Amino acid sequence: MQWDIVTSLDDYAWRSDISKIEILNDKQFVEYTKEGYATTFTITAMEPLTCWEFDMENENMKGHWTGVFAAKGDTTEVDFTEDVVAKKVLMKPFVKRYLKKQQALYIGDLKRRVNLVL
């Protein structure tokens, strides 16, 4: 099921951008890119099979991510939304482009892992 894949902090091998995930507690985890760059996530809402939300922060940005899931027959429709701001003035022009690239990579990886209707 797509919900289990997206919300698993143990099964992330399908993610081409992540080298490891460190679970801090039941509400926080840290994702490390292949380059070793860390982003801390704090889960703010979890409604099984429906919604998963978290705050995220690293040295360059902070923001909020929302994932909404809806069953559509044998598939799952997802809507992932990020609201992020750059922490550094020099990063502001690049944040939107970076997020679009990261979201496209994530969705591409996820599509390869499951059959989704986006």
PDB file of N, CA and C in Angstrom:
ATOM      1  N   MET A   1       0.841  -1.189   0.000  1.00  0.00           N
ATOM      2  CA  MET A   1       0.000   0.000   0.000  1.00  0.00           C
ATOM      3  C   MET A   1       0.883   1.249   0.000  1.00  0.00           C
ATOM      4  N   GLN A   2       0.468   2.270  -0.736  1.00  0.00           N
ATOM      5  CA  GLN A   2       1.239   3.498  -0.881  1.00  0.00           C
ATOM      6  C   GLN A   2       1.459   4.204   0.455  1.00  0.00           C
ATOM      7  N   TRP A   3       0.465   4.203   1.302  1.00  0.00           N
ATOM      8  CA  TRP A   3       0.595   4.849   2.609  1.00  0.00           C
ATOM      9  C   TRP A   3       1.781   4.265   3.373  1.00  0.00           C
ATOM     10  N   ASP A   4       1.858   2.948   3.412  1.00  0.00           N
ATOM     11  CA  ASP A   4       2.937   2.287   4.139  1.00  0.00           C
ATOM     12  C   ASP A   4       4.304   2.603   3.543  1.00  0.00           C
ATOM     13  N   ILE A   5       4.370   2.709   2.235  1.00  0.00           N
ATOM     14  CA  ILE A   5       5.640   3.011   1.568  1.00  0.00           C
ATOM     15  C   ILE A   5       6.085   4.437   1.888  1.00  0.00           C
ATOM     16  N   VAL A   6       5.197   5.383   1.741  1.00  0.00           N
ATOM     17  CA  VAL A   6       5.542   6.796   1.956  1.00  0.00           C
ATOM     18  C   VAL A   6       5.880   7.084   3.409  1.00  0.00           C
ATOM     19  N   THR A   7       5.166   6.471   4.336  1.00  0.00           N
ATOM     20  CA  THR A   7       5.363   6.796   5.749  1.00  0.00           C
ATOM     21  C   THR A   7       6.405   5.920   6.459  1.00  0.00           C
ATOM     22  N   SER A   8       6.923   4.908   5.774  1.00  0.00           N
ATOM     23  CA  SER A   8       7.928   4.046   6.406  1.00  0.00           C
ATOM     24  C   SER A   8       9.252   4.786   6.565  1.00  0.00           C
ATOM     25  N   LEU A   9       9.786   4.745   7.755  1.00  0.00           N
ATOM     26  CA  LEU A   9      11.095   5.338   8.009  1.00  0.00           C
ATOM     27  C   LEU A   9      12.190   4.279   7.995  1.00  0.00           C
ATOM     28  N   ASP A  10      11.796   3.030   7.768  1.00  0.00           N
ATOM     29  CA  ASP A  10      12.753   1.929   7.697  1.00  0.00           C
ATOM     30  C   ASP A  10      13.023   1.481   6.263  1.00  0.00           C
ATOM     31  N   ASP A  11      12.010   1.548   5.412  1.00  0.00           N
ATOM     32  CA  ASP A  11      12.142   1.108   4.022  1.00  0.00           C
ATOM     33  C   ASP A  11      12.252   2.333   3.121  1.00  0.00           C
ATOM     34  N   TYR A  12      13.465   2.795   2.909  1.00  0.00           N
ATOM     35  CA  TYR A  12      13.692   3.977   2.074  1.00  0.00           C
ATOM     36  C   TYR A  12      14.653   3.680   0.922  1.00  0.00           C
ATOM     37  N   ALA A  13      14.949   2.426   0.673  1.00  0.00           N
ATOM     38  CA  ALA A  13      15.894   2.062  -0.393  1.00  0.00           C
ATOM     39  C   ALA A  13      15.405   2.525  -1.764  1.00  0.00           C
ATOM     40  N   TRP A  14      14.107   2.703  -1.950  1.00  0.00           N
ATOM     41  CA  TRP A  14      13.551   3.150  -3.226  1.00  0.00           C
ATOM     42  C   TRP A  14      13.831   4.635  -3.486  1.00  0.00           C
ATOM     43  N   ARG A  15      14.243   5.362  -2.458  1.00  0.00           N
ATOM     44  CA  ARG A  15      14.551   6.794  -2.586  1.00  0.00           C
ATOM     45  C   ARG A  15      15.963   6.975  -3.142  1.00  0.00           C
ATOM     46  N   SER A  16      16.095   7.531  -4.307  1.00  0.00           N
ATOM     47  CA  SER A  16      17.408   7.681  -4.944  1.00  0.00           C
ATOM     48  C   SER A  16      18.228   8.817  -4.341  1.00  0.00           C
ATOM     49  N   ASP A  17      17.606   9.676  -3.538  1.00  0.00           N
ATOM     50  CA  ASP A  17      18.297  10.840  -2.985  1.00  0.00           C
ATOM     51  C   ASP A  17      18.730  10.670  -1.533  1.00  0.00           C
ATOM     52  N   ILE A  18      18.329   9.577  -0.882  1.00  0.00           N
ATOM     53  CA  ILE A  18      18.553   9.409   0.552  1.00  0.00           C
ATOM     54  C   ILE A  18      19.581   8.307   0.819  1.00  0.00           C
ATOM     55  N   SER A  19      20.549   8.604   1.701  1.00  0.00           N
ATOM     56  CA  SER A  19      21.515   7.580   2.090  1.00  0.00           C
ATOM     57  C   SER A  19      21.091   6.867   3.370  1.00  0.00           C
ATOM     58  N   LYS A  20      20.432   7.617   4.280  1.00  0.00           N
ATOM     59  CA  LYS A  20      19.928   6.988   5.501  1.00  0.00           C
ATOM     60  C   LYS A  20      18.897   7.881   6.167  1.00  0.00           C
ATOM     61  N   ILE A  21      18.115   7.254   7.035  1.00  0.00           N
ATOM     62  CA  ILE A  21      17.158   7.963   7.882  1.00  0.00           C
ATOM     63  C   ILE A  21      17.447   7.566   9.316  1.00  0.00           C
ATOM     64  N   GLU A  22      17.610   8.570  10.154  1.00  0.00           N
ATOM     65  CA  GLU A  22      17.857   8.358  11.584  1.00  0.00           C
ATOM     66  C   GLU A  22      16.587   8.729  12.348  1.00  0.00           C
ATOM     67  N   ILE A  23      16.021   7.771  13.059  1.00  0.00           N
ATOM     68  CA  ILE A  23      14.818   8.013  13.847  1.00  0.00           C
ATOM     69  C   ILE A  23      15.241   8.512  15.225  1.00  0.00           C
ATOM     70  N   LEU A  24      14.810   9.738  15.572  1.00  0.00           N
ATOM     71  CA  LEU A  24      15.170  10.332  16.857  1.00  0.00           C
ATOM     72  C   LEU A  24      14.198   9.923  17.958  1.00  0.00           C
ATOM     73  N   ASN A  25      12.906   9.947  17.635  1.00  0.00           N
ATOM     74  CA  ASN A  25      11.853   9.527  18.562  1.00  0.00           C
ATOM     75  C   ASN A  25      10.593   9.292  17.732  1.00  0.00           C
ATOM     76  N   ASP A  26       9.431   9.114  18.391  1.00  0.00           N
ATOM     77  CA  ASP A  26       8.216   8.796  17.628  1.00  0.00           C
ATOM     78  C   ASP A  26       7.672   9.977  16.830  1.00  0.00           C
ATOM     79  N   LYS A  27       8.231  11.157  16.997  1.00  0.00           N
ATOM     80  CA  LYS A  27       7.769  12.347  16.264  1.00  0.00           C
ATOM     81  C   LYS A  27       8.851  12.985  15.391  1.00  0.00           C
ATOM     82  N   GLN A  28      10.109  12.581  15.545  1.00  0.00           N
ATOM     83  CA  GLN A  28      11.198  13.231  14.797  1.00  0.00           C
ATOM     84  C   GLN A  28      12.125  12.225  14.133  1.00  0.00           C
ATOM     85  N   PHE A  29      12.594  12.619  12.927  1.00  0.00           N
ATOM     86  CA  PHE A  29      13.576  11.827  12.212  1.00  0.00           C
ATOM     87  C   PHE A  29      14.440  12.765  11.370  1.00  0.00           C
ATOM     88  N   VAL A  30      15.598  12.263  10.961  1.00  0.00           N
ATOM     89  CA  VAL A  30      16.525  13.034  10.146  1.00  0.00           C
ATOM     90  C   VAL A  30      16.811  12.238   8.878  1.00  0.00           C
ATOM     91  N   GLU A  31      16.639  12.894   7.725  1.00  0.00           N
ATOM     92  CA  GLU A  31      17.010  12.294   6.452  1.00  0.00           C
ATOM     93  C   GLU A  31      18.361  12.843   6.030  1.00  0.00           C
ATOM     94  N   TYR A  32      19.210  11.954   5.526  1.00  0.00           N
ATOM     95  CA  TYR A  32      20.528  12.343   5.038  1.00  0.00           C
ATOM     96  C   TYR A  32      20.593  12.084   3.539  1.00  0.00           C
ATOM     97  N   THR A  33      20.986  13.104   2.784  1.00  0.00           N
ATOM     98  CA  THR A  33      21.156  12.927   1.351  1.00  0.00           C
ATOM     99  C   THR A  33      22.381  12.066   1.096  1.00  0.00           C
ATOM    100  N   LYS A  34      22.555  11.667  -0.145  1.00  0.00           N
ATOM    101  CA  LYS A  34      23.735  10.876  -0.528  1.00  0.00           C
ATOM    102  C   LYS A  34      25.016  11.667  -0.261  1.00  0.00           C
ATOM    103  N   GLU A  35      24.906  13.001  -0.247  1.00  0.00           N
ATOM    104  CA  GLU A  35      26.056  13.863   0.033  1.00  0.00           C
ATOM    105  C   GLU A  35      26.242  14.108   1.532  1.00  0.00           C
ATOM    106  N   GLY A  36      25.369  13.545   2.370  1.00  0.00           N
ATOM    107  CA  GLY A  36      25.490  13.685   3.815  1.00  0.00           C
ATOM    108  C   GLY A  36      24.759  14.884   4.401  1.00  0.00           C
ATOM    109  N   TYR A  37      23.985  15.590   3.591  1.00  0.00           N
ATOM    110  CA  TYR A  37      23.250  16.770   4.040  1.00  0.00           C
ATOM    111  C   TYR A  37      22.019  16.336   4.845  1.00  0.00           C
ATOM    112  N   ALA A  38      21.841  16.865   6.057  1.00  0.00           N
ATOM    113  CA  ALA A  38      20.782  16.439   6.971  1.00  0.00           C
ATOM    114  C   ALA A  38      19.613  17.418   7.004  1.00  0.00           C
ATOM    115  N   THR A  39      18.398  16.860   7.003  1.00  0.00           N
ATOM    116  CA  THR A  39      17.177  17.635   7.206  1.00  0.00           C
ATOM    117  C   THR A  39      16.388  16.952   8.312  1.00  0.00           C
ATOM    118  N   THR A  40      15.970  17.735   9.322  1.00  0.00           N
ATOM    119  CA  THR A  40      15.197  17.219  10.451  1.00  0.00           C
ATOM    120  C   THR A  40      13.709  17.409  10.181  1.00  0.00           C
ATOM    121  N   PHE A  41      12.940  16.365  10.449  1.00  0.00           N
ATOM    122  CA  PHE A  41      11.492  16.371  10.239  1.00  0.00           C
ATOM    123  C   PHE A  41      10.802  16.119  11.574  1.00  0.00           C
ATOM    124  N   THR A  42       9.751  16.904  11.843  1.00  0.00           N
ATOM    125  CA  THR A  42       8.940  16.727  13.045  1.00  0.00           C
ATOM    126  C   THR A  42       7.502  16.481  12.604  1.00  0.00           C
ATOM    127  N   ILE A  43       7.000  15.293  12.872  1.00  0.00           N
ATOM    128  CA  ILE A  43       5.642  14.920  12.467  1.00  0.00           C
ATOM    129  C   ILE A  43       4.641  15.737  13.279  1.00  0.00           C
ATOM    130  N   THR A  44       3.724  16.416  12.564  1.00  0.00           N
ATOM    131  CA  THR A  44       2.727  17.265  13.219  1.00  0.00           C
ATOM    132  C   THR A  44       1.318  16.695  13.131  1.00  0.00           C
ATOM    133  N   ALA A  45       1.086  15.795  12.172  1.00  0.00           N
ATOM    134  CA  ALA A  45      -0.230  15.162  12.040  1.00  0.00           C
ATOM    135  C   ALA A  45      -0.079  13.847  11.291  1.00  0.00           C
ATOM    136  N   MET A  46      -0.831  12.849  11.729  1.00  0.00           N
ATOM    137  CA  MET A  46      -0.850  11.571  11.029  1.00  0.00           C
ATOM    138  C   MET A  46      -2.223  10.951  11.200  1.00  0.00           C
ATOM    139  N   GLU A  47      -2.968  10.906  10.103  1.00  0.00           N
ATOM    140  CA  GLU A  47      -4.258  10.236  10.061  1.00  0.00           C
ATOM    141  C   GLU A  47      -4.085   9.072   9.096  1.00  0.00           C
ATOM    142  N   PRO A  48      -3.940   7.848   9.611  1.00  0.00           N
ATOM    143  CA  PRO A  48      -3.637   6.700   8.754  1.00  0.00           C
ATOM    144  C   PRO A  48      -4.514   6.628   7.506  1.00  0.00           C
ATOM    145  N   LEU A  49      -3.831   6.387   6.379  1.00  0.00           N
ATOM    146  CA  LEU A  49      -4.427   6.233   5.051  1.00  0.00           C
ATOM    147  C   LEU A  49      -5.016   7.518   4.487  1.00  0.00           C
ATOM    148  N   THR A  50      -4.868   8.643   5.184  1.00  0.00           N
ATOM    149  CA  THR A  50      -5.478   9.894   4.758  1.00  0.00           C
ATOM    150  C   THR A  50      -4.501  11.056   4.681  1.00  0.00           C
ATOM    151  N   CYS A  51      -3.764  11.317   5.761  1.00  0.00           N
ATOM    152  CA  CYS A  51      -2.938  12.521   5.820  1.00  0.00           C
ATOM    153  C   CYS A  51      -1.697  12.301   6.676  1.00  0.00           C
ATOM    154  N   TRP A  52      -0.577  12.842   6.174  1.00  0.00           N
ATOM    155  CA  TRP A  52       0.684  12.833   6.939  1.00  0.00           C
ATOM    156  C   TRP A  52       1.290  14.213   6.768  1.00  0.00           C
ATOM    157  N   GLU A  53       1.652  14.859   7.876  1.00  0.00           N
ATOM    158  CA  GLU A  53       2.206  16.211   7.828  1.00  0.00           C
ATOM    159  C   GLU A  53       3.412  16.310   8.742  1.00  0.00           C
ATOM    160  N   PHE A  54       4.356  17.147   8.336  1.00  0.00           N
ATOM    161  CA  PHE A  54       5.500  17.402   9.194  1.00  0.00           C
ATOM    162  C   PHE A  54       6.132  18.746   8.897  1.00  0.00           C
ATOM    163  N   ASP A  55       6.813  19.271   9.918  1.00  0.00           N
ATOM    164  CA  ASP A  55       7.674  20.436   9.748  1.00  0.00           C
ATOM    165  C   ASP A  55       9.037  19.900   9.367  1.00  0.00           C
ATOM    166  N   MET A  56       9.771  20.682   8.580  1.00  0.00           N
ATOM    167  CA  MET A  56      11.104  20.269   8.165  1.00  0.00           C
ATOM    168  C   MET A  56      12.045  21.451   8.263  1.00  0.00           C
ATOM    169  N   GLU A  57      13.323  21.134   8.575  1.00  0.00           N
ATOM    170  CA  GLU A  57      14.289  22.213   8.734  1.00  0.00           C
ATOM    171  C   GLU A  57      15.699  21.679   8.519  1.00  0.00           C
ATOM    172  N   ASN A  58      16.482  22.497   7.821  1.00  0.00           N
ATOM    173  CA  ASN A  58      17.919  22.257   7.722  1.00  0.00           C
ATOM    174  C   ASN A  58      18.599  23.620   7.752  1.00  0.00           C
ATOM    175  N   GLU A  59      19.872  23.682   7.473  1.00  0.00           N
ATOM    176  CA  GLU A  59      20.577  24.955   7.622  1.00  0.00           C
ATOM    177  C   GLU A  59      20.164  25.998   6.585  1.00  0.00           C
ATOM    178  N   ASN A  60      19.530  25.572   5.494  1.00  0.00           N
ATOM    179  CA  ASN A  60      19.152  26.508   4.430  1.00  0.00           C
ATOM    180  C   ASN A  60      17.679  26.872   4.380  1.00  0.00           C
ATOM    181  N   MET A  61      16.802  26.018   4.924  1.00  0.00           N
ATOM    182  CA  MET A  61      15.371  26.276   4.797  1.00  0.00           C
ATOM    183  C   MET A  61      14.611  25.689   5.977  1.00  0.00           C
ATOM    184  N   LYS A  62      13.362  26.138   6.088  1.00  0.00           N
ATOM    185  CA  LYS A  62      12.422  25.551   7.042  1.00  0.00           C
ATOM    186  C   LYS A  62      11.042  25.645   6.424  1.00  0.00           C
ATOM    187  N   GLY A  63      10.169  24.726   6.818  1.00  0.00           N
ATOM    188  CA  GLY A  63       8.842  24.747   6.233  1.00  0.00           C
ATOM    189  C   GLY A  63       7.979  23.606   6.714  1.00  0.00           C
ATOM    190  N   HIS A  64       6.905  23.373   5.962  1.00  0.00           N
ATOM    191  CA  HIS A  64       5.905  22.378   6.312  1.00  0.00           C
ATOM    192  C   HIS A  64       5.552  21.575   5.068  1.00  0.00           C
ATOM    193  N   TRP A  65       5.337  20.273   5.242  1.00  0.00           N
ATOM    194  CA  TRP A  65       4.973  19.363   4.155  1.00  0.00           C
ATOM    195  C   TRP A  65       3.679  18.684   4.534  1.00  0.00           C
ATOM    196  N   THR A  66       2.761  18.565   3.564  1.00  0.00           N
ATOM    197  CA  THR A  66       1.498  17.869   3.769  1.00  0.00           C
ATOM    198  C   THR A  66       1.311  16.852   2.660  1.00  0.00           C
ATOM    199  N   GLY A  67       0.975  15.631   3.039  1.00  0.00           N
ATOM    200  CA  GLY A  67       0.644  14.584   2.076  1.00  0.00           C
ATOM    201  C   GLY A  67      -0.775  14.117   2.328  1.00  0.00           C
ATOM    202  N   VAL A  68      -1.630  14.227   1.291  1.00  0.00           N
ATOM    203  CA  VAL A  68      -3.021  13.792   1.388  1.00  0.00           C
ATOM    204  C   VAL A  68      -3.199  12.609   0.448  1.00  0.00           C
ATOM    205  N   PHE A  69      -3.819  11.535   0.938  1.00  0.00           N
ATOM    206  CA  PHE A  69      -3.980  10.297   0.198  1.00  0.00           C
ATOM    207  C   PHE A  69      -5.466  10.004   0.013  1.00  0.00           C
ATOM    208  N   ALA A  70      -5.857   9.550  -1.197  1.00  0.00           N
ATOM    209  CA  ALA A  70      -7.250   9.210  -1.470  1.00  0.00           C
ATOM    210  C   ALA A  70      -7.289   7.953  -2.335  1.00  0.00           C
ATOM    211  N   ALA A  71      -8.050   6.960  -1.901  1.00  0.00           N
ATOM    212  CA  ALA A  71      -8.208   5.724  -2.668  1.00  0.00           C
ATOM    213  C   ALA A  71      -9.029   6.007  -3.914  1.00  0.00           C
ATOM    214  N   LYS A  72      -8.538   5.510  -5.050  1.00  0.00           N
ATOM    215  CA  LYS A  72      -9.238   5.636  -6.336  1.00  0.00           C
ATOM    216  C   LYS A  72      -9.237   4.264  -6.984  1.00  0.00           C
ATOM    217  N   GLY A  73     -10.214   3.444  -6.623  1.00  0.00           N
ATOM    218  CA  GLY A  73     -10.258   2.073  -7.130  1.00  0.00           C
ATOM    219  C   GLY A  73      -9.074   1.283  -6.612  1.00  0.00           C
ATOM    220  N   ASP A  74      -8.268   0.746  -7.540  1.00  0.00           N
ATOM    221  CA  ASP A  74      -7.097  -0.045  -7.164  1.00  0.00           C
ATOM    222  C   ASP A  74      -5.845   0.798  -6.999  1.00  0.00           C
ATOM    223  N   THR A  75      -5.972   2.104  -7.135  1.00  0.00           N
ATOM    224  CA  THR A  75      -4.816   2.993  -7.030  1.00  0.00           C
ATOM    225  C   THR A  75      -5.029   4.011  -5.915  1.00  0.00           C
ATOM    226  N   THR A  76      -4.018   4.806  -5.684  1.00  0.00           N
ATOM    227  CA  THR A  76      -4.088   5.862  -4.681  1.00  0.00           C
ATOM    228  C   THR A  76      -3.703   7.183  -5.327  1.00  0.00           C
ATOM    229  N   GLU A  77      -4.520   8.187  -5.106  1.00  0.00           N
ATOM    230  CA  GLU A  77      -4.204   9.543  -5.569  1.00  0.00           C
ATOM    231  C   GLU A  77      -3.520  10.261  -4.411  1.00  0.00           C
ATOM    232  N   VAL A  78      -2.442  10.972  -4.722  1.00  0.00           N
ATOM    233  CA  VAL A  78      -1.725  11.697  -3.680  1.00  0.00           C
ATOM    234  C   VAL A  78      -1.629  13.170  -4.050  1.00  0.00           C
ATOM    235  N   ASP A  79      -1.597  14.003  -3.011  1.00  0.00           N
ATOM    236  CA  ASP A  79      -1.385  15.437  -3.190  1.00  0.00           C
ATOM    237  C   ASP A  79      -0.359  15.843  -2.136  1.00  0.00           C
ATOM    238  N   PHE A  80       0.860  16.139  -2.606  1.00  0.00           N
ATOM    239  CA  PHE A  80       1.932  16.544  -1.712  1.00  0.00           C
ATOM    240  C   PHE A  80       2.145  18.040  -1.866  1.00  0.00           C
ATOM    241  N   THR A  81       2.134  18.773  -0.746  1.00  0.00           N
ATOM    242  CA  THR A  81       2.286  20.217  -0.756  1.00  0.00           C
ATOM    243  C   THR A  81       3.388  20.627   0.215  1.00  0.00           C
ATOM    244  N   GLU A  82       4.256  21.525  -0.242  1.00  0.00           N
ATOM    245  CA  GLU A  82       5.317  22.056   0.612  1.00  0.00           C
ATOM    246  C   GLU A  82       5.174  23.565   0.702  1.00  0.00           C
ATOM    247  N   ASP A  83       5.357  24.089   1.894  1.00  0.00           N
ATOM    248  CA  ASP A  83       5.406  25.526   2.131  1.00  0.00           C
ATOM    249  C   ASP A  83       6.736  25.779   2.823  1.00  0.00           C
ATOM    250  N   VAL A  84       7.701  26.305   2.075  1.00  0.00           N
ATOM    251  CA  VAL A  84       9.071  26.412   2.558  1.00  0.00           C
ATOM    252  C   VAL A  84       9.605  27.818   2.356  1.00  0.00           C
ATOM    253  N   VAL A  85      10.415  28.271   3.310  1.00  0.00           N
ATOM    254  CA  VAL A  85      11.096  29.556   3.181  1.00  0.00           C
ATOM    255  C   VAL A  85      12.596  29.343   3.377  1.00  0.00           C
ATOM    256  N   ALA A  86      13.355  30.130   2.639  1.00  0.00           N
ATOM    257  CA  ALA A  86      14.815  30.073   2.759  1.00  0.00           C
ATOM    258  C   ALA A  86      15.245  30.787   4.028  1.00  0.00           C
ATOM    259  N   LYS A  87      16.249  30.253   4.699  1.00  0.00           N
ATOM    260  CA  LYS A  87      16.791  30.884   5.902  1.00  0.00           C
ATOM    261  C   LYS A  87      17.859  31.910   5.549  1.00  0.00           C
ATOM    262  N   LYS A  88      18.473  31.723   4.401  1.00  0.00           N
ATOM    263  CA  LYS A  88      19.557  32.603   3.982  1.00  0.00           C
ATOM    264  C   LYS A  88      19.097  33.420   2.774  1.00  0.00           C
ATOM    265  N   VAL A  89      19.376  34.702   2.802  1.00  0.00           N
ATOM    266  CA  VAL A  89      18.962  35.599   1.725  1.00  0.00           C
ATOM    267  C   VAL A  89      19.464  35.101   0.366  1.00  0.00           C
ATOM    268  N   LEU A  90      20.680  34.613   0.318  1.00  0.00           N
ATOM    269  CA  LEU A  90      21.249  34.143  -0.938  1.00  0.00           C
ATOM    270  C   LEU A  90      20.524  32.917  -1.497  1.00  0.00           C
ATOM    271  N   MET A  91      19.839  32.176  -0.658  1.00  0.00           N
ATOM    272  CA  MET A  91      19.138  30.964  -1.094  1.00  0.00           C
ATOM    273  C   MET A  91      17.731  31.245  -1.634  1.00  0.00           C
ATOM    274  N   LYS A  92      17.166  32.407  -1.306  1.00  0.00           N
ATOM    275  CA  LYS A  92      15.777  32.697  -1.679  1.00  0.00           C
ATOM    276  C   LYS A  92      15.476  32.507  -3.165  1.00  0.00           C
ATOM    277  N   PRO A  93      16.349  32.963  -4.088  1.00  0.00           N
ATOM    278  CA  PRO A  93      16.025  32.781  -5.510  1.00  0.00           C
ATOM    279  C   PRO A  93      16.036  31.320  -5.962  1.00  0.00           C
ATOM    280  N   PHE A  94      16.647  30.439  -5.193  1.00  0.00           N
ATOM    281  CA  PHE A  94      16.815  29.051  -5.627  1.00  0.00           C
ATOM    282  C   PHE A  94      15.866  28.062  -4.972  1.00  0.00           C
ATOM    283  N   VAL A  95      15.160  28.472  -3.926  1.00  0.00           N
ATOM    284  CA  VAL A  95      14.345  27.554  -3.144  1.00  0.00           C
ATOM    285  C   VAL A  95      13.256  26.905  -3.987  1.00  0.00           C
ATOM    286  N   LYS A  96      12.489  27.675  -4.737  1.00  0.00           N
ATOM    287  CA  LYS A  96      11.388  27.106  -5.522  1.00  0.00           C
ATOM    288  C   LYS A  96      11.893  26.112  -6.560  1.00  0.00           C
ATOM    289  N   ARG A  97      12.968  26.457  -7.243  1.00  0.00           N
ATOM    290  CA  ARG A  97      13.521  25.561  -8.261  1.00  0.00           C
ATOM    291  C   ARG A  97      14.040  24.279  -7.610  1.00  0.00           C
ATOM    292  N   TYR A  98      14.722  24.404  -6.486  1.00  0.00           N
ATOM    293  CA  TYR A  98      15.233  23.240  -5.767  1.00  0.00           C
ATOM    294  C   TYR A  98      14.084  22.329  -5.326  1.00  0.00           C
ATOM    295  N   LEU A  99      13.025  22.916  -4.764  1.00  0.00           N
ATOM    296  CA  LEU A  99      11.891  22.119  -4.300  1.00  0.00           C
ATOM    297  C   LEU A  99      11.203  21.408  -5.454  1.00  0.00           C
ATOM    298  N   LYS A 100      11.028  22.074  -6.582  1.00  0.00           N
ATOM    299  CA  LYS A 100      10.424  21.430  -7.750  1.00  0.00           C
ATOM    300  C   LYS A 100      11.255  20.241  -8.200  1.00  0.00           C
ATOM    301  N   LYS A 101      12.568  20.416  -8.207  1.00  0.00           N
ATOM    302  CA  LYS A 101      13.471  19.324  -8.593  1.00  0.00           C
ATOM    303  C   LYS A 101      13.357  18.160  -7.614  1.00  0.00           C
ATOM    304  N   GLN A 102      13.358  18.459  -6.318  1.00  0.00           N
ATOM    305  CA  GLN A 102      13.266  17.420  -5.299  1.00  0.00           C
ATOM    306  C   GLN A 102      11.928  16.698  -5.349  1.00  0.00           C
ATOM    307  N   GLN A 103      10.837  17.453  -5.540  1.00  0.00           N
ATOM    308  CA  GLN A 103       9.523  16.826  -5.620  1.00  0.00           C
ATOM    309  C   GLN A 103       9.428  15.925  -6.845  1.00  0.00           C
ATOM    310  N   ALA A 104       9.956  16.369  -7.976  1.00  0.00           N
ATOM    311  CA  ALA A 104       9.936  15.554  -9.196  1.00  0.00           C
ATOM    312  C   ALA A 104      10.728  14.262  -8.990  1.00  0.00           C
ATOM    313  N   LEU A 105      11.866  14.354  -8.337  1.00  0.00           N
ATOM    314  CA  LEU A 105      12.686  13.174  -8.048  1.00  0.00           C
ATOM    315  C   LEU A 105      11.939  12.219  -7.121  1.00  0.00           C
ATOM    316  N   TYR A 106      11.328  12.757  -6.072  1.00  0.00           N
ATOM    317  CA  TYR A 106      10.580  11.948  -5.114  1.00  0.00           C
ATOM    318  C   TYR A 106       9.414  11.235  -5.805  1.00  0.00           C
ATOM    319  N   ILE A 107       8.639  11.978  -6.586  1.00  0.00           N
ATOM    320  CA  ILE A 107       7.488  11.390  -7.282  1.00  0.00           C
ATOM    321  C   ILE A 107       7.955  10.346  -8.294  1.00  0.00           C
ATOM    322  N   GLY A 108       9.041  10.619  -9.005  1.00  0.00           N
ATOM    323  CA  GLY A 108       9.578   9.638  -9.947  1.00  0.00           C
ATOM    324  C   GLY A 108       9.981   8.351  -9.244  1.00  0.00           C
ATOM    325  N   ASP A 109      10.675   8.486  -8.115  1.00  0.00           N
ATOM    326  CA  ASP A 109      11.059   7.315  -7.326  1.00  0.00           C
ATOM    327  C   ASP A 109       9.825   6.564  -6.832  1.00  0.00           C
ATOM    328  N   LEU A 110       8.838   7.299  -6.354  1.00  0.00           N
ATOM    329  CA  LEU A 110       7.629   6.692  -5.830  1.00  0.00           C
ATOM    330  C   LEU A 110       6.838   5.985  -6.931  1.00  0.00           C
ATOM    331  N   LYS A 111       6.745   6.592  -8.087  1.00  0.00           N
ATOM    332  CA  LYS A 111       6.046   5.955  -9.214  1.00  0.00           C
ATOM    333  C   LYS A 111       6.695   4.632  -9.589  1.00  0.00           C
ATOM    334  N   ARG A 112       8.021   4.611  -9.551  1.00  0.00           N
ATOM    335  CA  ARG A 112       8.712   3.376  -9.864  1.00  0.00           C
ATOM    336  C   ARG A 112       8.421   2.312  -8.795  1.00  0.00           C
ATOM    337  N   ARG A 113       8.179   2.745  -7.581  1.00  0.00           N
ATOM    338  CA  ARG A 113       7.936   1.827  -6.468  1.00  0.00           C
ATOM    339  C   ARG A 113       6.493   1.319  -6.437  1.00  0.00           C
ATOM    340  N   VAL A 114       5.559   2.170  -6.825  1.00  0.00           N
ATOM    341  CA  VAL A 114       4.129   1.792  -6.785  1.00  0.00           C
ATOM    342  C   VAL A 114       3.409   2.349  -7.998  1.00  0.00           C
ATOM    343  N   ASN A 115       2.196   1.912  -8.183  1.00  0.00           N
ATOM    344  CA  ASN A 115       1.376   2.430  -9.267  1.00  0.00           C
ATOM    345  C   ASN A 115       0.452   3.502  -8.700  1.00  0.00           C
ATOM    346  N   LEU A 116       0.756   4.778  -8.971  1.00  0.00           N
ATOM    347  CA  LEU A 116      -0.028   5.884  -8.438  1.00  0.00           C
ATOM    348  C   LEU A 116      -0.728   6.658  -9.539  1.00  0.00           C
ATOM    349  N   VAL A 117      -1.837   7.237  -9.198  1.00  0.00           N
ATOM    350  CA  VAL A 117      -2.502   8.207 -10.058  1.00  0.00           C
ATOM    351  C   VAL A 117      -2.200   9.564  -9.460  1.00  0.00           C
ATOM    352  N   LEU A 118      -1.504  10.420 -10.198  1.00  0.00           N
ATOM    353  CA  LEU A 118      -1.118  11.739  -9.662  1.00  0.00           C
ATOM    354  C   LEU A 118      -1.940  12.839 -10.286  1.00  0.00           C
TER     355      LEU A 118
END
